[in-house]
Structures are given as structure tokens and as C-alpha cells.
Amino acid sequence: MKIIKLPEGNITAITRGIGRFKLSKMVEREPFLRAEVTKLIDSKPRNKAEFAALMENIKDLAQKIIKLDPNIPNAAGFAINNMSSNEDLLNFVCTNSNFDATDKQSLLEEKSIMKRAERCYELLFEDFKKLELRNQIHQKTSRDLDKQQREYFLNQQIKTIQEDWVRL
């Protein structure tokens, strides 16, 4: 979709998958990889209303994570809001979330789109709870440090006033 030339000479290619597949047989390794593959077809959800509601929850939770995590660019939120298909949204979130590689692989291998969405939501919720806790700890630590700094500053002022009072 896009090629980005980085200052240090590296090139990053942003791609969009058009489907899932299973490697059937490796045909060549040189000069490039070539293989025979079998296309994997996602099962459609039985209850479309339930799937749509779950996807709304995934979208909302992903937006909350983007707001909490300073390492995620705001452009990710824009991308999520502008996805027209729930399947594309699910694949985007599964691919770009901070899940372990094994979790990402298991999501990719899941044939049932409803089960994939449910598992994705569970993993997102775990990440969200960790981020919330991390931010709470950070805020408490910042408040404690601010309080200590104020107390130190006030003590220094009292000390200065006392020294000035003694000189008078």
C-alpha cells in the first residue's frame, strides 16, 4: 500500500493482506521463497447482531488502549475509525495489537471469525487492564513525588525564614 524510505537507509513496506492461507508445500527458496498454498476461508458468524456488537466492543476497547498507551500512534485510532468492514477491523486489531507472537498466530489460525473476535477481545481486555494499572501506578508515583517535592520546598522556605528571623 505504501513504501516509506527511512533516514538510515532502510525501507519499510506497508502491505495489506488479501486473505489467509496455509502453506501446503515449499517449492523454492532461492532467489525468493515460492510455495504452494491453500486459501483459508473464514466462517461467517451465525449471529450477525452478536458479532457486530462484539466488534463494536473491540473497536471501543482498542480506542481506549490507543489513548492510554503513549507508544501507539494516534493514526491507529484514525485507521480503526475508518475501517468499513468488521473483518478488516478484526484483522487490523489482531495484527497490530501488542499480543505475543503465539497469540497472534493462534488468532490467525482460528477458522471461526466469531471465536477469533472473542479471543481478540479477551486479549485486548487483558492489555487494557495492564495499561490501566500501569497508568495508575505512574500517577500515584507522580503524586507522591510531587508531594515530596512540595514538602521539601516548604521546608527549605521555613528554614530560610527561620535563619532570616534569627539574624534580625
N, C-alpha and C. Protein backbone atom coordinates (compact mmCIF):
# COMPACT_ATOMS: atom_id res chain seq x y z
N MET A 1 0.82 -1.19 0.00
CA MET A 1 0.00 0.00 0.00
C MET A 1 0.87 1.26 0.00
N LYS A 2 2.01 1.17 0.71
CA LYS A 2 2.87 2.35 0.83
C LYS A 2 4.29 1.90 1.12
N ILE A 3 5.25 2.62 0.56
CA ILE A 3 6.66 2.36 0.84
C ILE A 3 7.24 3.61 1.49
N ILE A 4 7.92 3.41 2.61
CA ILE A 4 8.49 4.52 3.36
C ILE A 4 10.00 4.33 3.39
N LYS A 5 10.72 5.34 2.90
CA LYS A 5 12.19 5.32 2.97
C LYS A 5 12.61 6.02 4.25
N LEU A 6 13.27 5.29 5.12
CA LEU A 6 13.69 5.82 6.40
C LEU A 6 15.05 6.51 6.28
N PRO A 7 15.33 7.48 7.16
CA PRO A 7 16.58 8.25 7.07
C PRO A 7 17.84 7.39 7.11
N GLU A 8 17.81 6.29 7.86
CA GLU A 8 19.03 5.49 7.98
C GLU A 8 19.23 4.54 6.80
N GLY A 9 18.38 4.69 5.76
CA GLY A 9 18.55 3.90 4.54
C GLY A 9 17.64 2.69 4.45
N ASN A 10 16.97 2.35 5.54
CA ASN A 10 16.04 1.21 5.50
C ASN A 10 14.77 1.60 4.75
N ILE A 11 14.09 0.61 4.26
CA ILE A 11 12.82 0.82 3.58
C ILE A 11 11.77 -0.03 4.28
N THR A 12 10.62 0.59 4.59
CA THR A 12 9.52 -0.12 5.20
C THR A 12 8.37 -0.16 4.20
N ALA A 13 7.82 -1.35 4.01
CA ALA A 13 6.67 -1.51 3.11
C ALA A 13 5.44 -1.82 3.95
N ILE A 14 4.40 -1.04 3.76
CA ILE A 14 3.13 -1.29 4.44
C ILE A 14 2.26 -2.06 3.46
N THR A 15 1.85 -3.23 3.88
CA THR A 15 1.08 -4.10 2.99
C THR A 15 -0.30 -4.37 3.57
N ARG A 16 -1.17 -4.87 2.75
CA ARG A 16 -2.50 -5.26 3.20
C ARG A 16 -2.74 -6.66 2.67
N GLY A 17 -3.01 -7.57 3.58
CA GLY A 17 -3.27 -8.94 3.18
C GLY A 17 -4.63 -9.04 2.48
N ILE A 18 -4.71 -9.95 1.54
CA ILE A 18 -5.98 -10.12 0.83
C ILE A 18 -6.66 -11.43 1.22
N GLY A 19 -6.04 -12.17 2.08
CA GLY A 19 -6.64 -13.41 2.53
C GLY A 19 -5.68 -14.21 3.37
N ARG A 20 -6.23 -15.23 4.00
CA ARG A 20 -5.41 -16.11 4.81
C ARG A 20 -5.14 -17.37 4.01
N PHE A 21 -4.02 -18.01 4.29
CA PHE A 21 -3.69 -19.23 3.58
C PHE A 21 -2.86 -20.14 4.48
N LYS A 22 -2.81 -21.39 4.05
CA LYS A 22 -1.99 -22.38 4.75
C LYS A 22 -0.92 -22.85 3.77
N LEU A 23 0.30 -22.90 4.24
CA LEU A 23 1.41 -23.37 3.42
C LEU A 23 1.25 -24.87 3.18
N SER A 24 1.13 -25.26 1.92
CA SER A 24 0.98 -26.67 1.57
C SER A 24 2.33 -27.31 1.28
N LYS A 25 3.13 -26.60 0.48
CA LYS A 25 4.42 -27.17 0.09
C LYS A 25 5.36 -26.04 -0.32
N MET A 26 6.59 -26.10 0.18
CA MET A 26 7.62 -25.13 -0.21
C MET A 26 8.19 -25.58 -1.55
N VAL A 27 8.14 -24.70 -2.55
CA VAL A 27 8.60 -25.05 -3.89
C VAL A 27 10.03 -24.59 -4.12
N GLU A 28 10.32 -23.33 -3.79
CA GLU A 28 11.67 -22.78 -3.98
C GLU A 28 12.04 -21.91 -2.79
N ARG A 29 13.34 -21.81 -2.55
CA ARG A 29 13.85 -20.91 -1.51
C ARG A 29 14.71 -19.81 -2.11
N GLU A 30 15.27 -20.04 -3.28
CA GLU A 30 16.14 -19.06 -3.95
C GLU A 30 15.67 -18.85 -5.38
N PRO A 31 15.71 -17.70 -5.90
CA PRO A 31 16.19 -16.42 -5.37
C PRO A 31 15.19 -15.77 -4.42
N PHE A 32 13.99 -16.38 -4.30
CA PHE A 32 13.00 -15.90 -3.35
C PHE A 32 12.14 -17.10 -2.95
N LEU A 33 11.38 -16.91 -1.88
CA LEU A 33 10.53 -18.00 -1.43
C LEU A 33 9.33 -18.16 -2.36
N ARG A 34 9.02 -19.41 -2.69
CA ARG A 34 7.85 -19.70 -3.50
C ARG A 34 7.23 -20.98 -2.94
N ALA A 35 5.90 -20.97 -2.80
CA ALA A 35 5.26 -22.11 -2.18
C ALA A 35 3.88 -22.34 -2.79
N GLU A 36 3.39 -23.53 -2.59
CA GLU A 36 2.01 -23.84 -2.91
C GLU A 36 1.21 -23.62 -1.64
N VAL A 37 0.08 -22.94 -1.78
CA VAL A 37 -0.72 -22.61 -0.60
C VAL A 37 -2.17 -23.02 -0.82
N THR A 38 -2.86 -23.17 0.28
CA THR A 38 -4.29 -23.44 0.26
C THR A 38 -4.98 -22.25 0.92
N LYS A 39 -5.91 -21.64 0.21
CA LYS A 39 -6.62 -20.48 0.76
C LYS A 39 -7.54 -20.93 1.88
N LEU A 40 -7.52 -20.18 2.99
CA LEU A 40 -8.38 -20.45 4.13
C LEU A 40 -9.58 -19.50 4.06
N ILE A 41 -10.75 -20.06 4.22
CA ILE A 41 -11.97 -19.28 4.15
C ILE A 41 -12.50 -19.09 5.57
N ASP A 42 -12.76 -17.83 5.94
CA ASP A 42 -13.34 -17.54 7.25
C ASP A 42 -14.79 -17.99 7.27
N SER A 43 -15.18 -18.59 8.38
CA SER A 43 -16.59 -18.93 8.53
C SER A 43 -17.34 -17.65 8.88
N LYS A 44 -18.52 -17.52 8.40
CA LYS A 44 -19.34 -16.35 8.71
C LYS A 44 -20.00 -16.56 10.07
N PRO A 45 -20.17 -15.49 10.84
CA PRO A 45 -20.80 -15.65 12.16
C PRO A 45 -22.28 -16.05 11.99
N ARG A 46 -22.73 -16.94 12.87
CA ARG A 46 -24.15 -17.36 12.82
C ARG A 46 -25.07 -16.23 13.25
N ASN A 47 -24.65 -15.53 14.31
CA ASN A 47 -25.47 -14.44 14.83
C ASN A 47 -24.78 -13.12 14.46
N LYS A 48 -25.24 -12.51 13.38
CA LYS A 48 -24.58 -11.30 12.88
C LYS A 48 -24.71 -10.14 13.85
N ALA A 49 -25.82 -10.05 14.57
CA ALA A 49 -26.00 -8.96 15.54
C ALA A 49 -25.02 -9.10 16.70
N GLU A 50 -24.82 -10.32 17.17
CA GLU A 50 -23.86 -10.57 18.25
C GLU A 50 -22.44 -10.25 17.79
N PHE A 51 -22.11 -10.66 16.57
CA PHE A 51 -20.79 -10.38 16.02
C PHE A 51 -20.57 -8.87 15.89
N ALA A 52 -21.57 -8.15 15.38
CA ALA A 52 -21.46 -6.70 15.22
C ALA A 52 -21.27 -6.02 16.58
N ALA A 53 -22.00 -6.49 17.59
CA ALA A 53 -21.86 -5.91 18.94
C ALA A 53 -20.47 -6.18 19.50
N LEU A 54 -19.98 -7.39 19.31
CA LEU A 54 -18.63 -7.74 19.77
C LEU A 54 -17.59 -6.87 19.07
N MET A 55 -17.78 -6.64 17.78
CA MET A 55 -16.84 -5.81 17.04
C MET A 55 -16.87 -4.36 17.52
N GLU A 56 -18.03 -3.86 17.89
CA GLU A 56 -18.12 -2.51 18.48
C GLU A 56 -17.34 -2.46 19.79
N ASN A 57 -17.45 -3.52 20.59
CA ASN A 57 -16.68 -3.58 21.85
C ASN A 57 -15.19 -3.61 21.57
N ILE A 58 -14.78 -4.38 20.56
CA ILE A 58 -13.36 -4.44 20.20
C ILE A 58 -12.88 -3.06 19.76
N LYS A 59 -13.68 -2.40 18.93
CA LYS A 59 -13.32 -1.07 18.43
C LYS A 59 -13.18 -0.08 19.60
N ASP A 60 -14.16 -0.08 20.52
CA ASP A 60 -14.11 0.83 21.67
C ASP A 60 -12.90 0.55 22.56
N LEU A 61 -12.65 -0.72 22.82
CA LEU A 61 -11.53 -1.09 23.68
C LEU A 61 -10.19 -0.74 23.02
N ALA A 62 -10.10 -0.95 21.73
CA ALA A 62 -8.87 -0.60 21.01
C ALA A 62 -8.64 0.91 21.09
N GLN A 63 -9.69 1.71 20.96
CA GLN A 63 -9.56 3.18 21.07
C GLN A 63 -9.09 3.58 22.47
N LYS A 64 -9.62 2.93 23.48
CA LYS A 64 -9.19 3.23 24.86
C LYS A 64 -7.71 2.90 25.05
N ILE A 65 -7.28 1.78 24.49
CA ILE A 65 -5.87 1.38 24.60
C ILE A 65 -4.98 2.39 23.89
N ILE A 66 -5.41 2.86 22.73
CA ILE A 66 -4.64 3.86 21.98
C ILE A 66 -4.47 5.13 22.81
N LYS A 67 -5.52 5.54 23.51
CA LYS A 67 -5.45 6.75 24.34
C LYS A 67 -4.54 6.56 25.55
N LEU A 68 -4.51 5.34 26.10
CA LEU A 68 -3.70 5.08 27.30
C LEU A 68 -2.23 4.82 27.00
N ASP A 69 -1.93 4.25 25.85
CA ASP A 69 -0.56 3.82 25.56
C ASP A 69 0.15 4.88 24.71
N PRO A 70 1.15 5.55 25.28
CA PRO A 70 1.85 6.59 24.53
C PRO A 70 2.69 6.05 23.36
N ASN A 71 2.91 4.74 23.34
CA ASN A 71 3.72 4.14 22.27
C ASN A 71 2.92 3.85 21.00
N ILE A 72 1.61 3.98 21.08
CA ILE A 72 0.77 3.72 19.91
C ILE A 72 0.43 5.05 19.25
N PRO A 73 0.72 5.19 17.97
CA PRO A 73 0.43 6.46 17.29
C PRO A 73 -1.07 6.71 17.17
N ASN A 74 -1.46 7.97 17.24
CA ASN A 74 -2.87 8.33 17.13
C ASN A 74 -3.45 7.94 15.77
N ALA A 75 -2.59 7.78 14.78
CA ALA A 75 -3.06 7.37 13.46
C ALA A 75 -3.74 6.01 13.51
N ALA A 76 -3.39 5.19 14.48
CA ALA A 76 -4.03 3.88 14.62
C ALA A 76 -5.51 4.06 14.93
N GLY A 77 -5.83 5.03 15.76
CA GLY A 77 -7.23 5.32 16.07
C GLY A 77 -7.99 5.79 14.85
N PHE A 78 -7.35 6.62 14.07
CA PHE A 78 -7.95 7.10 12.82
C PHE A 78 -8.22 5.92 11.88
N ALA A 79 -7.26 5.02 11.78
CA ALA A 79 -7.41 3.85 10.91
C ALA A 79 -8.58 2.99 11.37
N ILE A 80 -8.67 2.77 12.68
CA ILE A 80 -9.74 1.95 13.23
C ILE A 80 -11.10 2.57 12.94
N ASN A 81 -11.21 3.87 13.12
CA ASN A 81 -12.49 4.55 12.89
C ASN A 81 -12.92 4.53 11.43
N ASN A 82 -11.97 4.38 10.53
CA ASN A 82 -12.30 4.46 9.10
C ASN A 82 -12.36 3.10 8.41
N MET A 83 -12.37 2.03 9.18
CA MET A 83 -12.50 0.71 8.58
C MET A 83 -13.98 0.45 8.30
N SER A 84 -14.27 0.02 7.10
CA SER A 84 -15.67 -0.19 6.71
C SER A 84 -16.15 -1.61 6.99
N SER A 85 -15.25 -2.55 7.08
CA SER A 85 -15.62 -3.95 7.25
C SER A 85 -15.19 -4.45 8.62
N ASN A 86 -16.08 -5.17 9.29
CA ASN A 86 -15.74 -5.75 10.59
C ASN A 86 -14.60 -6.76 10.48
N GLU A 87 -14.55 -7.48 9.37
CA GLU A 87 -13.49 -8.46 9.17
C GLU A 87 -12.13 -7.75 9.06
N ASP A 88 -12.09 -6.65 8.29
CA ASP A 88 -10.86 -5.87 8.17
C ASP A 88 -10.45 -5.29 9.52
N LEU A 89 -11.43 -4.78 10.26
CA LEU A 89 -11.15 -4.22 11.58
C LEU A 89 -10.57 -5.29 12.51
N LEU A 90 -11.17 -6.46 12.51
CA LEU A 90 -10.69 -7.55 13.36
C LEU A 90 -9.26 -7.92 12.99
N ASN A 91 -9.00 -8.07 11.71
CA ASN A 91 -7.64 -8.44 11.27
C ASN A 91 -6.63 -7.35 11.62
N PHE A 92 -7.03 -6.08 11.46
CA PHE A 92 -6.14 -4.96 11.79
C PHE A 92 -5.79 -4.97 13.28
N VAL A 93 -6.80 -5.13 14.12
CA VAL A 93 -6.57 -5.13 15.57
C VAL A 93 -5.72 -6.33 15.98
N CYS A 94 -6.04 -7.51 15.44
CA CYS A 94 -5.27 -8.71 15.78
C CYS A 94 -3.81 -8.55 15.37
N THR A 95 -3.58 -7.95 14.22
CA THR A 95 -2.22 -7.81 13.69
C THR A 95 -1.42 -6.75 14.43
N ASN A 96 -2.06 -5.65 14.78
CA ASN A 96 -1.32 -4.50 15.31
C ASN A 96 -1.35 -4.36 16.82
N SER A 97 -2.01 -5.24 17.51
CA SER A 97 -2.04 -5.17 18.97
C SER A 97 -0.75 -5.75 19.54
N ASN A 98 -0.52 -5.46 20.81
CA ASN A 98 0.71 -5.91 21.47
C ASN A 98 0.57 -7.33 22.03
N PHE A 99 -0.01 -8.22 21.25
CA PHE A 99 -0.15 -9.61 21.68
C PHE A 99 1.17 -10.35 21.45
N ASP A 100 1.36 -11.42 22.22
CA ASP A 100 2.51 -12.29 21.97
C ASP A 100 2.39 -12.89 20.58
N ALA A 101 3.53 -13.26 20.01
CA ALA A 101 3.53 -13.87 18.68
C ALA A 101 2.70 -15.15 18.66
N THR A 102 2.75 -15.92 19.74
CA THR A 102 1.96 -17.16 19.77
C THR A 102 0.46 -16.86 19.77
N ASP A 103 0.06 -15.80 20.48
CA ASP A 103 -1.35 -15.41 20.47
C ASP A 103 -1.77 -14.91 19.10
N LYS A 104 -0.92 -14.13 18.47
CA LYS A 104 -1.23 -13.66 17.11
C LYS A 104 -1.36 -14.84 16.15
N GLN A 105 -0.46 -15.81 16.28
CA GLN A 105 -0.51 -16.98 15.41
C GLN A 105 -1.80 -17.76 15.63
N SER A 106 -2.18 -17.95 16.89
CA SER A 106 -3.41 -18.71 17.16
C SER A 106 -4.64 -17.96 16.63
N LEU A 107 -4.62 -16.63 16.71
CA LEU A 107 -5.72 -15.85 16.13
C LEU A 107 -5.77 -16.03 14.62
N LEU A 108 -4.61 -16.01 14.01
CA LEU A 108 -4.54 -16.17 12.56
C LEU A 108 -5.04 -17.55 12.12
N GLU A 109 -4.76 -18.55 12.92
CA GLU A 109 -5.15 -19.91 12.56
C GLU A 109 -6.61 -20.22 12.85
N GLU A 110 -7.27 -19.40 13.66
CA GLU A 110 -8.67 -19.67 14.03
C GLU A 110 -9.58 -19.51 12.81
N LYS A 111 -10.32 -20.57 12.50
CA LYS A 111 -11.19 -20.56 11.32
C LYS A 111 -12.50 -19.82 11.58
N SER A 112 -12.99 -19.89 12.80
CA SER A 112 -14.25 -19.24 13.14
C SER A 112 -13.99 -17.77 13.43
N ILE A 113 -14.60 -16.90 12.64
CA ILE A 113 -14.37 -15.48 12.84
C ILE A 113 -14.95 -15.01 14.18
N MET A 114 -16.02 -15.66 14.64
CA MET A 114 -16.61 -15.30 15.93
C MET A 114 -15.65 -15.68 17.06
N LYS A 115 -15.07 -16.87 17.00
CA LYS A 115 -14.10 -17.28 18.03
C LYS A 115 -12.87 -16.39 18.00
N ARG A 116 -12.44 -16.01 16.80
CA ARG A 116 -11.28 -15.12 16.66
C ARG A 116 -11.59 -13.77 17.32
N ALA A 117 -12.80 -13.26 17.08
CA ALA A 117 -13.19 -11.98 17.67
C ALA A 117 -13.28 -12.08 19.19
N GLU A 118 -13.84 -13.17 19.69
CA GLU A 118 -13.95 -13.36 21.14
C GLU A 118 -12.57 -13.42 21.79
N ARG A 119 -11.67 -14.18 21.18
CA ARG A 119 -10.31 -14.30 21.73
C ARG A 119 -9.56 -12.98 21.64
N CYS A 120 -9.75 -12.27 20.54
CA CYS A 120 -9.13 -10.95 20.37
C CYS A 120 -9.61 -10.00 21.47
N TYR A 121 -10.90 -10.02 21.75
CA TYR A 121 -11.45 -9.16 22.79
C TYR A 121 -10.86 -9.50 24.16
N GLU A 122 -10.73 -10.81 24.45
CA GLU A 122 -10.13 -11.23 25.72
C GLU A 122 -8.70 -10.70 25.86
N LEU A 123 -7.92 -10.85 24.79
CA LEU A 123 -6.53 -10.39 24.82
C LEU A 123 -6.46 -8.87 24.93
N LEU A 124 -7.33 -8.18 24.21
CA LEU A 124 -7.37 -6.71 24.31
C LEU A 124 -7.72 -6.28 25.73
N PHE A 125 -8.68 -6.97 26.33
CA PHE A 125 -9.11 -6.62 27.68
C PHE A 125 -7.97 -6.80 28.68
N GLU A 126 -7.19 -7.89 28.52
CA GLU A 126 -6.02 -8.10 29.38
C GLU A 126 -5.02 -6.96 29.22
N ASP A 127 -4.74 -6.57 27.97
CA ASP A 127 -3.81 -5.46 27.71
C ASP A 127 -4.34 -4.17 28.32
N PHE A 128 -5.64 -3.93 28.18
CA PHE A 128 -6.24 -2.72 28.71
C PHE A 128 -6.09 -2.66 30.23
N LYS A 129 -6.38 -3.76 30.90
CA LYS A 129 -6.25 -3.79 32.36
C LYS A 129 -4.81 -3.54 32.80
N LYS A 130 -3.84 -4.13 32.08
CA LYS A 130 -2.43 -3.90 32.41
C LYS A 130 -2.06 -2.43 32.21
N LEU A 131 -2.53 -1.84 31.12
CA LEU A 131 -2.25 -0.42 30.86
C LEU A 131 -2.87 0.47 31.93
N GLU A 132 -4.10 0.18 32.30
CA GLU A 132 -4.76 0.95 33.35
C GLU A 132 -3.97 0.88 34.65
N LEU A 133 -3.56 -0.32 35.02
CA LEU A 133 -2.79 -0.50 36.25
C LEU A 133 -1.46 0.24 36.17
N ARG A 134 -0.79 0.12 35.04
CA ARG A 134 0.49 0.82 34.85
C ARG A 134 0.31 2.32 34.98
N ASN A 135 -0.75 2.85 34.38
CA ASN A 135 -1.00 4.29 34.47
C ASN A 135 -1.38 4.72 35.88
N GLN A 136 -2.13 3.88 36.60
CA GLN A 136 -2.47 4.20 37.99
C GLN A 136 -1.21 4.26 38.85
N ILE A 137 -0.32 3.31 38.65
CA ILE A 137 0.95 3.29 39.40
C ILE A 137 1.75 4.54 39.07
N HIS A 138 1.82 4.87 37.79
CA HIS A 138 2.56 6.06 37.36
C HIS A 138 1.97 7.33 37.98
N GLN A 139 0.65 7.45 37.97
CA GLN A 139 0.01 8.63 38.54
C GLN A 139 0.24 8.73 40.05
N LYS A 140 0.14 7.59 40.74
CA LYS A 140 0.37 7.59 42.19
C LYS A 140 1.81 7.98 42.50
N THR A 141 2.74 7.42 41.74
CA THR A 141 4.15 7.74 41.94
C THR A 141 4.39 9.22 41.68
N SER A 142 3.78 9.75 40.64
CA SER A 142 3.95 11.18 40.32
C SER A 142 3.38 12.04 41.43
N ARG A 143 2.20 11.66 41.95
CA ARG A 143 1.60 12.43 43.05
C ARG A 143 2.50 12.39 44.28
N ASP A 144 3.03 11.20 44.60
CA ASP A 144 3.91 11.06 45.77
C ASP A 144 5.17 11.91 45.60
N LEU A 145 5.74 11.90 44.39
CA LEU A 145 6.94 12.70 44.14
C LEU A 145 6.62 14.19 44.23
N ASP A 146 5.48 14.59 43.66
CA ASP A 146 5.07 15.99 43.74
C ASP A 146 4.90 16.42 45.19
N LYS A 147 4.29 15.56 45.99
CA LYS A 147 4.08 15.87 47.41
C LYS A 147 5.43 16.01 48.12
N GLN A 148 6.35 15.09 47.83
CA GLN A 148 7.68 15.15 48.45
C GLN A 148 8.41 16.43 48.03
N GLN A 149 8.29 16.79 46.77
CA GLN A 149 8.95 18.00 46.29
C GLN A 149 8.35 19.24 46.95
N ARG A 150 7.02 19.28 47.08
CA ARG A 150 6.38 20.42 47.75
C ARG A 150 6.82 20.52 49.20
N GLU A 151 6.84 19.37 49.88
CA GLU A 151 7.26 19.36 51.28
C GLU A 151 8.71 19.83 51.42
N TYR A 152 9.58 19.37 50.55
CA TYR A 152 10.98 19.78 50.59
C TYR A 152 11.08 21.29 50.36
N PHE A 153 10.36 21.79 49.37
CA PHE A 153 10.39 23.22 49.06
C PHE A 153 9.87 24.03 50.25
N LEU A 154 8.76 23.59 50.85
CA LEU A 154 8.21 24.31 52.01
C LEU A 154 9.18 24.26 53.19
N ASN A 155 9.80 23.12 53.41
CA ASN A 155 10.78 23.01 54.50
C ASN A 155 11.96 23.94 54.25
N GLN A 156 12.41 24.07 53.01
CA GLN A 156 13.51 24.97 52.69
C GLN A 156 13.08 26.42 52.93
N GLN A 157 11.84 26.75 52.58
CA GLN A 157 11.35 28.11 52.83
C GLN A 157 11.29 28.39 54.32
N ILE A 158 10.79 27.42 55.10
CA ILE A 158 10.71 27.60 56.56
C ILE A 158 12.11 27.79 57.12
N LYS A 159 13.05 26.99 56.67
CA LYS A 159 14.42 27.09 57.13
C LYS A 159 15.00 28.47 56.82
N THR A 160 14.75 28.96 55.60
CA THR A 160 15.25 30.28 55.20
C THR A 160 14.62 31.37 56.05
N ILE A 161 13.32 31.27 56.31
CA ILE A 161 12.63 32.26 57.14
C ILE A 161 13.18 32.24 58.56
N GLN A 162 13.40 31.03 59.09
CA GLN A 162 13.94 30.91 60.45
C GLN A 162 15.34 31.53 60.53
N GLU A 163 16.14 31.28 59.51
CA GLU A 163 17.51 31.84 59.50
C GLU A 163 17.44 33.36 59.43
N ASP A 164 16.55 33.88 58.60
CA ASP A 164 16.37 35.33 58.49
C ASP A 164 15.86 35.91 59.80
N TRP A 165 14.99 35.20 60.48
CA TRP A 165 14.40 35.67 61.75
C TRP A 165 15.47 35.72 62.83
N VAL A 166 16.36 34.72 62.84
CA VAL A 166 17.42 34.68 63.84
C VAL A 166 18.36 35.87 63.62
N ARG A 167 18.66 36.22 62.37
CA ARG A 167 19.57 37.34 62.08
C ARG A 167 18.98 38.69 62.50
N LEU A 168 17.67 38.77 62.53
CA LEU A 168 17.05 40.05 62.92
C LEU A 168 17.16 40.22 64.38
